[in-house]
Amino acid sequence: MTLIAARRYSHGNVHDEALLLTGEPARELAPHSFDWIGLCEPDAAEMALAQRQYGLHPLAVEDALNPRQLPKVEIYGKTLFVVARTAELRDGEEIDYGQTAFFVGPGFLISVRFGSTRPHLSLRQELEAQGDRLAEGPDYVLHAVLDFIVDGYLPLLERLEEIAQEMEEAAIDVFPEQSVIRRIFRLRRQLRRFERVIGPMEEVCQRLVVADLPCIDPTARIWFRDVLDHVRRAMARMRGLKETLAAIVDTASLLEQHRQGEMTRQLAAWAAILAVPTAIAGIYGMNFEYLPELKWRYGYFAVWGVIITICCGLWLRFRKIDWL
């Protein structure tokens, strides 16, 4: 059985820790009481028990069993169906995605988790220690789990920001190698997928804040507003990461062009300096009998003096304009 935890709460206190999915229709609970059922990767038969016991809509059950849904909010009669996506960074800088679906109805909340390695048991214990918050009902639990999921994005983004910063600093010193460029494009592809998968979470939280939804008390909307703020911050950091990765290649290209320009100027300067002795030696290397100063005893030294003077003048000029 994939039933991780199933408890009934009354006025914020644990009323029954021995709840089971029997398939028998659940009786109506007293005010300020609700069931919180936690399922992890259930099969169709187990979900059928929950469907009969709590009157879940078959379309919502079908969506909950499909771990590739995008975040969304659906209304089925008096039951609210919410899908959220989890994201974790594994070794190799790959992002793993999971899904958590929620059924929120009068007197119950059922969470169905696929793929995520972060269990809700620690969160459940934390909420049970705050009976006054838990007494507010299943809508507050929905907020708490959504906030728990969104907070899980932060370690992923922080690690990717560290990687981007390391590559950005390295690109200043030397143009990235081909393997580094492939790594950059791999990360950008991961972030584009992250935006497609997690992006609708902003719309989900927006609806929970402003829409009139069943089982969501208007006084609880302020809690969902906090989750919406966290989602927007995560999305802003993700978009900033995309821009940083794109800028790394552009910045590295500009720096490399600058370095190549400096090398080209230096080579041109030395070529100009070396052209002087080459030209003079070429002239005097021709086998003409009547060349100026050819028979003069100091002609050799005069030619060297001219060569050195011109070359030194060019060297000083190029140094002045920062070509050497």
C-alpha atoms as a PDB file:
ATOM      1  CA  MET A   1       0.000   0.000   0.000  1.00  0.00           C
ATOM      2  CA  THR A   2       1.346   3.428  -0.907  1.00  0.00           C
ATOM      3  CA  LEU A   3      -0.516   5.107   1.931  1.00  0.00           C
ATOM      4  CA  ILE A   4       2.253   7.113   3.611  1.00  0.00           C
ATOM      5  CA  ALA A   5       0.160   8.812   6.296  1.00  0.00           C
ATOM      6  CA  ALA A   6      -3.559   9.164   6.948  1.00  0.00           C
ATOM      7  CA  ARG A   7      -4.876  11.084   9.920  1.00  0.00           C
ATOM      8  CA  ARG A   8      -8.000  12.853  11.006  1.00  0.00           C
ATOM      9  CA  TYR A   9      -7.679  16.219  12.692  1.00  0.00           C
ATOM     10  CA  SER A  10     -10.178  17.995  14.862  1.00  0.00           C
ATOM     11  CA  HIS A  11      -9.635  21.593  15.999  1.00  0.00           C
ATOM     12  CA  GLY A  12      -5.959  21.278  15.040  1.00  0.00           C
ATOM     13  CA  ASN A  13      -5.302  18.110  17.044  1.00  0.00           C
ATOM     14  CA  VAL A  14      -4.782  14.550  15.843  1.00  0.00           C
ATOM     15  CA  HIS A  15      -8.108  12.784  16.297  1.00  0.00           C
ATOM     16  CA  ASP A  16      -7.417   9.476  14.554  1.00  0.00           C
ATOM     17  CA  GLU A  17      -4.106   8.066  13.273  1.00  0.00           C
ATOM     18  CA  ALA A  18      -5.543   4.786  11.981  1.00  0.00           C
ATOM     19  CA  LEU A  19      -7.381   5.929   8.862  1.00  0.00           C
ATOM     20  CA  LEU A  20      -7.485   3.447   5.997  1.00  0.00           C
ATOM     21  CA  LEU A  21      -8.658   3.563   2.419  1.00  0.00           C
ATOM     22  CA  THR A  22     -11.495   1.062   2.537  1.00  0.00           C
ATOM     23  CA  GLY A  23     -13.570   2.281  -0.374  1.00  0.00           C
ATOM     24  CA  GLU A  24     -16.563   2.828   1.881  1.00  0.00           C
ATOM     25  CA  PRO A  25     -18.130   6.294   1.494  1.00  0.00           C
ATOM     26  CA  ALA A  26     -16.773   8.579   4.213  1.00  0.00           C
ATOM     27  CA  ARG A  27     -19.264   9.941   6.674  1.00  0.00           C
ATOM     28  CA  GLU A  28     -19.712  13.666   7.104  1.00  0.00           C
ATOM     29  CA  LEU A  29     -17.310  15.071   9.659  1.00  0.00           C
ATOM     30  CA  ALA A  30     -17.993  17.501  12.445  1.00  0.00           C
ATOM     31  CA  PRO A  31     -17.073  21.166  11.897  1.00  0.00           C
ATOM     32  CA  HIS A  32     -13.369  21.989  12.175  1.00  0.00           C
ATOM     33  CA  SER A  33     -12.461  18.372  11.376  1.00  0.00           C
ATOM     34  CA  PHE A  34     -10.814  16.985   8.253  1.00  0.00           C
ATOM     35  CA  ASP A  35      -8.813  14.025   6.940  1.00  0.00           C
ATOM     36  CA  TRP A  36      -5.344  14.395   5.442  1.00  0.00           C
ATOM     37  CA  ILE A  37      -4.415  11.412   3.276  1.00  0.00           C
ATOM     38  CA  GLY A  38      -0.907  11.154   1.824  1.00  0.00           C
ATOM     39  CA  LEU A  39      -0.312   8.768  -1.089  1.00  0.00           C
ATOM     40  CA  CYS A  40       2.981   8.102  -2.880  1.00  0.00           C
ATOM     41  CA  GLU A  41       2.849   6.646  -6.394  1.00  0.00           C
ATOM     42  CA  PRO A  42      -0.416   4.719  -5.940  1.00  0.00           C
ATOM     43  CA  ASP A  43      -1.795   2.409  -8.603  1.00  0.00           C
ATOM     44  CA  ALA A  44      -5.233   2.596 -10.178  1.00  0.00           C
ATOM     45  CA  ALA A  45      -6.779   0.171  -7.677  1.00  0.00           C
ATOM     46  CA  GLU A  46      -5.627   2.229  -4.687  1.00  0.00           C
ATOM     47  CA  MET A  47      -6.888   5.429  -6.258  1.00  0.00           C
ATOM     48  CA  ALA A  48     -10.210   3.723  -6.925  1.00  0.00           C
ATOM     49  CA  LEU A  49     -10.567   3.163  -3.170  1.00  0.00           C
ATOM     50  CA  ALA A  50      -9.946   6.852  -2.488  1.00  0.00           C
ATOM     51  CA  GLN A  51     -12.341   7.779  -5.294  1.00  0.00           C
ATOM     52  CA  ARG A  52     -15.218   5.764  -3.804  1.00  0.00           C
ATOM     53  CA  GLN A  53     -14.448   6.772  -0.231  1.00  0.00           C
ATOM     54  CA  TYR A  54     -14.267  10.532  -0.839  1.00  0.00           C
ATOM     55  CA  GLY A  55     -16.358  10.900  -3.986  1.00  0.00           C
ATOM     56  CA  LEU A  56     -13.547  12.035  -6.288  1.00  0.00           C
ATOM     57  CA  HIS A  57     -14.266  12.814  -9.919  1.00  0.00           C
ATOM     58  CA  PRO A  58     -12.910  10.130 -12.309  1.00  0.00           C
ATOM     59  CA  LEU A  59     -11.307  12.714 -14.609  1.00  0.00           C
ATOM     60  CA  ALA A  60      -9.395  14.193 -11.684  1.00  0.00           C
ATOM     61  CA  VAL A  61      -8.316  10.714 -10.592  1.00  0.00           C
ATOM     62  CA  GLU A  62      -7.091  10.000 -14.107  1.00  0.00           C
ATOM     63  CA  ASP A  63      -5.050  13.213 -14.115  1.00  0.00           C
ATOM     64  CA  ALA A  64      -3.602  12.451 -10.674  1.00  0.00           C
ATOM     65  CA  LEU A  65      -2.299   9.098 -11.958  1.00  0.00           C
ATOM     66  CA  ASN A  66      -0.626  10.751 -14.951  1.00  0.00           C
ATOM     67  CA  PRO A  67       2.744  12.079 -13.679  1.00  0.00           C
ATOM     68  CA  ARG A  68       3.237  14.365 -16.696  1.00  0.00           C
ATOM     69  CA  GLN A  69       0.544  16.945 -15.995  1.00  0.00           C
ATOM     70  CA  LEU A  70       1.337  20.651 -15.976  1.00  0.00           C
ATOM     71  CA  PRO A  71       0.381  22.716 -12.910  1.00  0.00           C
ATOM     72  CA  LYS A  72      -3.307  23.548 -12.983  1.00  0.00           C
ATOM     73  CA  VAL A  73      -6.447  24.161 -10.917  1.00  0.00           C
ATOM     74  CA  GLU A  74      -9.734  22.396 -11.726  1.00  0.00           C
ATOM     75  CA  ILE A  75     -13.116  22.455 -10.024  1.00  0.00           C
ATOM     76  CA  TYR A  76     -15.227  19.296  -9.819  1.00  0.00           C
ATOM     77  CA  GLY A  77     -18.402  20.116  -7.923  1.00  0.00           C
ATOM     78  CA  LYS A  78     -17.437  20.793  -4.326  1.00  0.00           C
ATOM     79  CA  THR A  79     -13.939  19.376  -4.805  1.00  0.00           C
ATOM     80  CA  LEU A  80     -10.918  21.404  -5.826  1.00  0.00           C
ATOM     81  CA  PHE A  81      -8.230  19.614  -7.838  1.00  0.00           C
ATOM     82  CA  VAL A  82      -4.731  21.153  -7.902  1.00  0.00           C
ATOM     83  CA  VAL A  83      -1.619  19.870  -9.677  1.00  0.00           C
ATOM     84  CA  ALA A  84       1.860  21.135  -8.723  1.00  0.00           C
ATOM     85  CA  ARG A  85       5.271  20.147 -10.083  1.00  0.00           C
ATOM     86  CA  THR A  86       8.372  19.490  -8.014  1.00  0.00           C
ATOM     87  CA  ALA A  87      11.934  19.973  -9.261  1.00  0.00           C
ATOM     88  CA  GLU A  88      15.267  18.750  -7.896  1.00  0.00           C
ATOM     89  CA  LEU A  89      18.827  18.915  -9.216  1.00  0.00           C
ATOM     90  CA  ARG A  90      20.575  15.587  -9.420  1.00  0.00           C
ATOM     91  CA  ASP A  91      24.228  14.752 -10.205  1.00  0.00           C
ATOM     92  CA  GLY A  92      25.232  15.812 -13.690  1.00  0.00           C
ATOM     93  CA  GLU A  93      23.288  19.096 -13.558  1.00  0.00           C
ATOM     94  CA  GLU A  94      20.075  17.430 -14.719  1.00  0.00           C
ATOM     95  CA  ILE A  95      16.745  18.541 -13.277  1.00  0.00           C
ATOM     96  CA  ASP A  96      14.385  15.795 -12.126  1.00  0.00           C
ATOM     97  CA  TYR A  97      10.686  16.616 -12.069  1.00  0.00           C
ATOM     98  CA  GLY A  98       7.928  15.171  -9.974  1.00  0.00           C
ATOM     99  CA  GLN A  99       4.232  15.810  -9.515  1.00  0.00           C
ATOM    100  CA  THR A 100       1.970  16.273  -6.540  1.00  0.00           C
ATOM    101  CA  ALA A 101      -1.789  16.361  -7.049  1.00  0.00           C
ATOM    102  CA  PHE A 102      -4.258  17.547  -4.403  1.00  0.00           C
ATOM    103  CA  PHE A 103      -7.911  16.788  -3.885  1.00  0.00           C
ATOM    104  CA  VAL A 104      -9.419  19.350  -1.514  1.00  0.00           C
ATOM    105  CA  GLY A 105     -12.992  18.788  -0.499  1.00  0.00           C
ATOM    106  CA  PRO A 106     -15.336  19.334   2.433  1.00  0.00           C
ATOM    107  CA  GLY A 107     -13.532  17.670   5.296  1.00  0.00           C
ATOM    108  CA  PHE A 108     -10.588  16.124   3.452  1.00  0.00           C
ATOM    109  CA  LEU A 109      -7.314  16.736   1.625  1.00  0.00           C
ATOM    110  CA  ILE A 110      -5.653  13.979  -0.398  1.00  0.00           C
ATOM    111  CA  SER A 111      -2.135  14.449  -1.779  1.00  0.00           C
ATOM    112  CA  VAL A 112      -0.880  12.110  -4.512  1.00  0.00           C
ATOM    113  CA  ARG A 113       2.882  12.307  -5.034  1.00  0.00           C
ATOM    114  CA  PHE A 114       4.883  10.983  -8.001  1.00  0.00           C
ATOM    115  CA  GLY A 115       8.628  11.322  -8.562  1.00  0.00           C
ATOM    116  CA  SER A 116       9.538  13.685  -5.741  1.00  0.00           C
ATOM    117  CA  THR A 117      12.070  12.450  -3.182  1.00  0.00           C
ATOM    118  CA  ARG A 118      11.036  15.056  -0.588  1.00  0.00           C
ATOM    119  CA  PRO A 119       8.412  13.452   1.662  1.00  0.00           C
ATOM    120  CA  HIS A 120       5.783  15.525   3.439  1.00  0.00           C
ATOM    121  CA  LEU A 121       6.198  13.780   6.787  1.00  0.00           C
ATOM    122  CA  SER A 122       8.455  16.488   8.229  1.00  0.00           C
ATOM    123  CA  LEU A 123       5.989  19.152   7.094  1.00  0.00           C
ATOM    124  CA  ARG A 124       3.101  17.194   8.631  1.00  0.00           C
ATOM    125  CA  GLN A 125       4.948  17.006  11.945  1.00  0.00           C
ATOM    126  CA  GLU A 126       5.665  20.723  11.820  1.00  0.00           C
ATOM    127  CA  LEU A 127       2.010  21.535  11.176  1.00  0.00           C
ATOM    128  CA  GLU A 128       0.841  19.181  13.908  1.00  0.00           C
ATOM    129  CA  ALA A 129       3.061  21.132  16.304  1.00  0.00           C
ATOM    130  CA  GLN A 130       1.124  24.288  15.308  1.00  0.00           C
ATOM    131  CA  GLY A 131      -2.406  23.246  16.127  1.00  0.00           C
ATOM    132  CA  ASP A 132      -3.816  26.746  15.689  1.00  0.00           C
ATOM    133  CA  ARG A 133      -2.766  26.798  12.035  1.00  0.00           C
ATOM    134  CA  LEU A 134      -3.829  23.235  11.369  1.00  0.00           C
ATOM    135  CA  ALA A 135      -7.234  24.077  12.846  1.00  0.00           C
ATOM    136  CA  GLU A 136      -7.853  26.451   9.919  1.00  0.00           C
ATOM    137  CA  GLY A 137      -8.620  23.439   7.738  1.00  0.00           C
ATOM    138  CA  PRO A 138      -7.452  21.685   4.565  1.00  0.00           C
ATOM    139  CA  ASP A 139      -7.004  24.952   2.643  1.00  0.00           C
ATOM    140  CA  TYR A 140      -4.198  25.934   5.019  1.00  0.00           C
ATOM    141  CA  VAL A 141      -2.597  22.491   4.562  1.00  0.00           C
ATOM    142  CA  LEU A 142      -2.804  22.983   0.788  1.00  0.00           C
ATOM    143  CA  HIS A 143      -0.974  26.303   1.177  1.00  0.00           C
ATOM    144  CA  ALA A 144       1.679  24.717   3.396  1.00  0.00           C
ATOM    145  CA  VAL A 145       2.426  21.868   0.963  1.00  0.00           C
ATOM    146  CA  LEU A 146       2.507  24.228  -2.038  1.00  0.00           C
ATOM    147  CA  ASP A 147       4.910  26.485  -0.160  1.00  0.00           C
ATOM    148  CA  PHE A 148       7.000  23.403   0.697  1.00  0.00           C
ATOM    149  CA  ILE A 149       7.150  22.477  -3.008  1.00  0.00           C
ATOM    150  CA  VAL A 150       8.047  25.984  -4.191  1.00  0.00           C
ATOM    151  CA  ASP A 151      10.763  26.320  -1.536  1.00  0.00           C
ATOM    152  CA  GLY A 152      12.301  23.190  -3.062  1.00  0.00           C
ATOM    153  CA  TYR A 153      13.116  25.202  -6.189  1.00  0.00           C
ATOM    154  CA  LEU A 154      15.540  27.443  -4.302  1.00  0.00           C
ATOM    155  CA  PRO A 155      18.418  24.941  -3.711  1.00  0.00           C
ATOM    156  CA  LEU A 156      18.246  24.045  -7.406  1.00  0.00           C
ATOM    157  CA  LEU A 157      18.470  27.681  -8.492  1.00  0.00           C
ATOM    158  CA  GLU A 158      21.216  28.480  -5.985  1.00  0.00           C
ATOM    159  CA  ARG A 159      23.364  25.618  -7.289  1.00  0.00           C
ATOM    160  CA  LEU A 160      22.826  26.655 -10.913  1.00  0.00           C
ATOM    161  CA  GLU A 161      23.706  30.253 -10.003  1.00  0.00           C
ATOM    162  CA  GLU A 162      26.983  29.043  -8.465  1.00  0.00           C
ATOM    163  CA  ILE A 163      27.786  27.090 -11.636  1.00  0.00           C
ATOM    164  CA  ALA A 164      26.964  30.095 -13.833  1.00  0.00           C
ATOM    165  CA  GLN A 165      29.130  32.388 -11.696  1.00  0.00           C
ATOM    166  CA  GLU A 166      32.094  29.997 -11.930  1.00  0.00           C
ATOM    167  CA  MET A 167      31.793  29.819 -15.716  1.00  0.00           C
ATOM    168  CA  GLU A 168      31.371  33.589 -15.956  1.00  0.00           C
ATOM    169  CA  GLU A 169      34.569  34.234 -13.991  1.00  0.00           C
ATOM    170  CA  ALA A 170      36.496  31.652 -16.038  1.00  0.00           C
ATOM    171  CA  ALA A 171      35.289  33.198 -19.308  1.00  0.00           C
ATOM    172  CA  ILE A 172      36.913  36.524 -18.359  1.00  0.00           C
ATOM    173  CA  ASP A 173      40.378  34.940 -18.344  1.00  0.00           C
ATOM    174  CA  VAL A 174      40.159  32.686 -21.376  1.00  0.00           C
ATOM    175  CA  PHE A 175      37.648  31.932 -24.104  1.00  0.00           C
ATOM    176  CA  PRO A 176      35.528  28.896 -23.058  1.00  0.00           C
ATOM    177  CA  GLU A 177      36.501  25.567 -24.513  1.00  0.00           C
ATOM    178  CA  GLN A 178      34.070  23.591 -26.630  1.00  0.00           C
ATOM    179  CA  SER A 179      33.107  21.379 -23.682  1.00  0.00           C
ATOM    180  CA  VAL A 180      32.260  24.455 -21.587  1.00  0.00           C
ATOM    181  CA  ILE A 181      30.145  25.929 -24.379  1.00  0.00           C
ATOM    182  CA  ARG A 182      28.245  22.629 -24.667  1.00  0.00           C
ATOM    183  CA  ARG A 183      27.718  22.732 -20.901  1.00  0.00           C
ATOM    184  CA  ILE A 184      26.313  26.271 -21.143  1.00  0.00           C
ATOM    185  CA  PHE A 185      23.833  25.304 -23.847  1.00  0.00           C
ATOM    186  CA  ARG A 186      22.881  22.191 -21.873  1.00  0.00           C
ATOM    187  CA  LEU A 187      22.060  24.353 -18.841  1.00  0.00           C
ATOM    188  CA  ARG A 188      20.087  26.809 -20.976  1.00  0.00           C
ATOM    189  CA  ARG A 189      18.057  23.916 -22.350  1.00  0.00           C
ATOM    190  CA  GLN A 190      17.400  22.708 -18.786  1.00  0.00           C
ATOM    191  CA  LEU A 191      16.226  26.189 -17.777  1.00  0.00           C
ATOM    192  CA  ARG A 192      13.909  26.476 -20.783  1.00  0.00           C
ATOM    193  CA  ARG A 193      12.292  23.201 -19.786  1.00  0.00           C
ATOM    194  CA  PHE A 194      12.124  24.368 -16.169  1.00  0.00           C
ATOM    195  CA  GLU A 195      10.225  27.447 -17.321  1.00  0.00           C
ATOM    196  CA  ARG A 196       7.765  25.368 -19.373  1.00  0.00           C
ATOM    197  CA  VAL A 197       7.150  22.878 -16.572  1.00  0.00           C
ATOM    198  CA  ILE A 198       7.134  25.191 -13.557  1.00  0.00           C
ATOM    199  CA  GLY A 199       5.912  28.369 -15.243  1.00  0.00           C
ATOM    200  CA  PRO A 200       2.184  27.518 -14.909  1.00  0.00           C
ATOM    201  CA  MET A 201       2.661  27.369 -11.117  1.00  0.00           C
ATOM    202  CA  GLU A 202       2.418  31.158 -11.141  1.00  0.00           C
ATOM    203  CA  GLU A 203      -1.014  30.969 -12.767  1.00  0.00           C
ATOM    204  CA  VAL A 204      -2.122  28.307 -10.270  1.00  0.00           C
ATOM    205  CA  CYS A 205      -1.166  30.462  -7.288  1.00  0.00           C
ATOM    206  CA  GLN A 206      -2.736  33.515  -8.913  1.00  0.00           C
ATOM    207  CA  ARG A 207      -6.074  31.693  -9.183  1.00  0.00           C
ATOM    208  CA  LEU A 208      -5.852  30.515  -5.585  1.00  0.00           C
ATOM    209  CA  VAL A 209      -5.315  34.151  -4.551  1.00  0.00           C
ATOM    210  CA  VAL A 210      -8.020  35.922  -6.549  1.00  0.00           C
ATOM    211  CA  ALA A 211     -10.616  33.347  -7.646  1.00  0.00           C
ATOM    212  CA  ASP A 212     -13.646  32.221  -5.698  1.00  0.00           C
ATOM    213  CA  LEU A 213     -12.871  28.512  -5.332  1.00  0.00           C
ATOM    214  CA  PRO A 214     -14.579  25.761  -3.340  1.00  0.00           C
ATOM    215  CA  CYS A 215     -12.955  24.789  -0.035  1.00  0.00           C
ATOM    216  CA  ILE A 216     -10.728  27.902  -0.071  1.00  0.00           C
ATOM    217  CA  ASP A 217     -11.740  30.332   2.648  1.00  0.00           C
ATOM    218  CA  PRO A 218     -11.359  33.995   1.579  1.00  0.00           C
ATOM    219  CA  THR A 219      -9.332  34.622   4.734  1.00  0.00           C
ATOM    220  CA  ALA A 220      -6.806  31.988   3.576  1.00  0.00           C
ATOM    221  CA  ARG A 221      -5.990  33.804   0.348  1.00  0.00           C
ATOM    222  CA  ILE A 222      -3.288  35.851   2.039  1.00  0.00           C
ATOM    223  CA  TRP A 223      -1.344  32.613   2.614  1.00  0.00           C
ATOM    224  CA  PHE A 224      -1.530  31.721  -1.079  1.00  0.00           C
ATOM    225  CA  ARG A 225      -0.363  35.241  -1.892  1.00  0.00           C
ATOM    226  CA  ASP A 226       2.845  34.422  -0.033  1.00  0.00           C
ATOM    227  CA  VAL A 227       3.311  31.283  -2.163  1.00  0.00           C
ATOM    228  CA  LEU A 228       2.655  33.348  -5.303  1.00  0.00           C
ATOM    229  CA  ASP A 229       5.401  35.757  -4.246  1.00  0.00           C
ATOM    230  CA  HIS A 230       7.844  32.860  -3.790  1.00  0.00           C
ATOM    231  CA  VAL A 231       6.965  31.453  -7.214  1.00  0.00           C
ATOM    232  CA  ARG A 232       7.522  34.825  -8.865  1.00  0.00           C
ATOM    233  CA  ARG A 233      10.889  35.207  -7.164  1.00  0.00           C
ATOM    234  CA  ALA A 234      11.942  31.748  -8.304  1.00  0.00           C
ATOM    235  CA  MET A 235      10.862  32.498 -11.875  1.00  0.00           C
ATOM    236  CA  ALA A 236      12.714  35.837 -11.821  1.00  0.00           C
ATOM    237  CA  ARG A 237      15.904  34.114 -10.662  1.00  0.00           C
ATOM    238  CA  MET A 238      15.471  31.472 -13.345  1.00  0.00           C
ATOM    239  CA  ARG A 239      15.116  34.111 -16.077  1.00  0.00           C
ATOM    240  CA  GLY A 240      18.154  35.928 -14.695  1.00  0.00           C
ATOM    241  CA  LEU A 241      20.094  32.673 -14.930  1.00  0.00           C
ATOM    242  CA  LYS A 242      19.099  32.279 -18.581  1.00  0.00           C
ATOM    243  CA  GLU A 243      20.316  35.797 -19.319  1.00  0.00           C
ATOM    244  CA  THR A 244      23.579  35.165 -17.451  1.00  0.00           C
ATOM    245  CA  LEU A 245      24.308  31.991 -19.411  1.00  0.00           C
ATOM    246  CA  ALA A 246      23.559  33.784 -22.678  1.00  0.00           C
ATOM    247  CA  ALA A 247      25.789  36.692 -21.660  1.00  0.00           C
ATOM    248  CA  ILE A 248      28.717  34.398 -20.815  1.00  0.00           C
ATOM    249  CA  VAL A 249      29.179  33.395 -24.450  1.00  0.00           C
ATOM    250  CA  ASP A 250      28.653  36.957 -25.709  1.00  0.00           C
ATOM    251  CA  THR A 251      31.060  38.442 -23.160  1.00  0.00           C
ATOM    252  CA  ALA A 252      33.665  35.779 -23.811  1.00  0.00           C
ATOM    253  CA  SER A 253      33.408  36.441 -27.566  1.00  0.00           C
ATOM    254  CA  LEU A 254      33.895  40.189 -27.062  1.00  0.00           C
ATOM    255  CA  LEU A 255      36.895  39.638 -24.795  1.00  0.00           C
ATOM    256  CA  GLU A 256      38.380  37.166 -27.250  1.00  0.00           C
ATOM    257  CA  GLN A 257      37.905  39.635 -30.109  1.00  0.00           C
ATOM    258  CA  HIS A 258      39.634  42.291 -27.999  1.00  0.00           C
ATOM    259  CA  ARG A 259      42.556  39.963 -27.277  1.00  0.00           C
ATOM    260  CA  GLN A 260      42.822  39.033 -30.944  1.00  0.00           C
ATOM    261  CA  GLY A 261      42.733  42.727 -31.897  1.00  0.00           C
ATOM    262  CA  GLU A 262      45.647  43.428 -29.546  1.00  0.00           C
ATOM    263  CA  MET A 263      47.638  40.559 -31.023  1.00  0.00           C
ATOM    264  CA  THR A 264      46.881  41.779 -34.543  1.00  0.00           C
ATOM    265  CA  ARG A 265      48.083  45.292 -33.699  1.00  0.00           C
ATOM    266  CA  GLN A 266      51.299  43.929 -32.199  1.00  0.00           C
ATOM    267  CA  LEU A 267      51.973  41.757 -35.204  1.00  0.00           C
ATOM    268  CA  ALA A 268      51.289  44.694 -37.541  1.00  0.00           C
ATOM    269  CA  ALA A 269      53.640  46.928 -35.536  1.00  0.00           C
ATOM    270  CA  TRP A 270      56.500  44.408 -35.596  1.00  0.00           C
ATOM    271  CA  ALA A 271      55.863  43.760 -39.294  1.00  0.00           C
ATOM    272  CA  ALA A 272      56.208  47.518 -39.962  1.00  0.00           C
ATOM    273  CA  ILE A 273      59.444  47.697 -37.958  1.00  0.00           C
ATOM    274  CA  LEU A 274      60.944  44.656 -39.674  1.00  0.00           C
ATOM    275  CA  ALA A 275      59.922  46.003 -43.087  1.00  0.00           C
ATOM    276  CA  VAL A 276      62.551  48.793 -42.804  1.00  0.00           C
ATOM    277  CA  PRO A 277      65.702  46.616 -42.613  1.00  0.00           C
ATOM    278  CA  THR A 278      64.127  44.197 -45.077  1.00  0.00           C
ATOM    279  CA  ALA A 279      63.585  46.982 -47.634  1.00  0.00           C
ATOM    280  CA  ILE A 280      67.063  48.481 -47.203  1.00  0.00           C
ATOM    281  CA  ALA A 281      68.763  45.062 -47.300  1.00  0.00           C
ATOM    282  CA  GLY A 282      66.747  44.223 -50.391  1.00  0.00           C
ATOM    283  CA  ILE A 283      67.861  47.359 -52.169  1.00  0.00           C
ATOM    284  CA  TYR A 284      71.523  46.873 -51.345  1.00  0.00           C
ATOM    285  CA  GLY A 285      71.270  43.199 -52.160  1.00  0.00           C
ATOM    286  CA  MET A 286      70.632  43.989 -55.840  1.00  0.00           C
ATOM    287  CA  ASN A 287      73.671  43.419 -58.068  1.00  0.00           C
ATOM    288  CA  PHE A 288      73.919  46.933 -59.500  1.00  0.00           C
ATOM    289  CA  GLU A 289      77.376  48.408 -59.865  1.00  0.00           C
ATOM    290  CA  TYR A 290      76.429  52.036 -59.159  1.00  0.00           C
ATOM    291  CA  LEU A 291      74.579  52.229 -55.830  1.00  0.00           C
ATOM    292  CA  PRO A 292      74.807  55.302 -53.553  1.00  0.00           C
ATOM    293  CA  GLU A 293      77.668  55.077 -51.076  1.00  0.00           C
ATOM    294  CA  LEU A 294      78.563  51.604 -52.325  1.00  0.00           C
ATOM    295  CA  LYS A 295      82.311  52.376 -52.403  1.00  0.00           C
ATOM    296  CA  TRP A 296      82.290  54.511 -49.222  1.00  0.00           C
ATOM    297  CA  ARG A 297      84.260  52.923 -46.381  1.00  0.00           C
ATOM    298  CA  TYR A 298      81.680  54.021 -43.786  1.00  0.00           C
ATOM    299  CA  GLY A 299      78.646  53.103 -45.901  1.00  0.00           C
ATOM    300  CA  TYR A 300      77.992  49.851 -43.985  1.00  0.00           C
ATOM    301  CA  PHE A 301      77.831  51.705 -40.657  1.00  0.00           C
ATOM    302  CA  ALA A 302      75.701  54.486 -42.151  1.00  0.00           C
ATOM    303  CA  VAL A 303      73.135  51.995 -43.419  1.00  0.00           C
ATOM    304  CA  TRP A 304      72.954  50.339 -39.989  1.00  0.00           C
ATOM    305  CA  GLY A 305      72.541  53.727 -38.390  1.00  0.00           C
ATOM    306  CA  VAL A 306      69.651  54.570 -40.684  1.00  0.00           C
ATOM    307  CA  ILE A 307      68.028  51.172 -40.030  1.00  0.00           C
ATOM    308  CA  ILE A 308      68.363  51.457 -36.230  1.00  0.00           C
ATOM    309  CA  THR A 309      67.170  55.072 -36.178  1.00  0.00           C
ATOM    310  CA  ILE A 310      64.048  54.342 -38.232  1.00  0.00           C
ATOM    311  CA  CYS A 311      63.243  51.133 -36.325  1.00  0.00           C
ATOM    312  CA  CYS A 312      63.656  52.858 -32.941  1.00  0.00           C
ATOM    313  CA  GLY A 313      61.460  55.724 -34.111  1.00  0.00           C
ATOM    314  CA  LEU A 314      58.734  53.290 -35.203  1.00  0.00           C
ATOM    315  CA  TRP A 315      59.034  51.348 -31.941  1.00  0.00           C
ATOM    316  CA  LEU A 316      58.602  54.514 -29.880  1.00  0.00           C
ATOM    317  CA  ARG A 317      55.647  55.588 -32.002  1.00  0.00           C
ATOM    318  CA  PHE A 318      53.891  52.241 -31.638  1.00  0.00           C
ATOM    319  CA  ARG A 319      54.537  52.253 -27.888  1.00  0.00           C
ATOM    320  CA  LYS A 320      52.960  55.696 -27.660  1.00  0.00           C
ATOM    321  CA  ILE A 321      49.752  54.531 -29.309  1.00  0.00           C
ATOM    322  CA  ASP A 322      49.703  51.273 -27.260  1.00  0.00           C
ATOM    323  CA  TRP A 323      50.330  48.950 -30.126  1.00  0.00           C
ATOM    324  CA  LEU A 324      53.363  47.489 -28.365  1.00  0.00           C
END
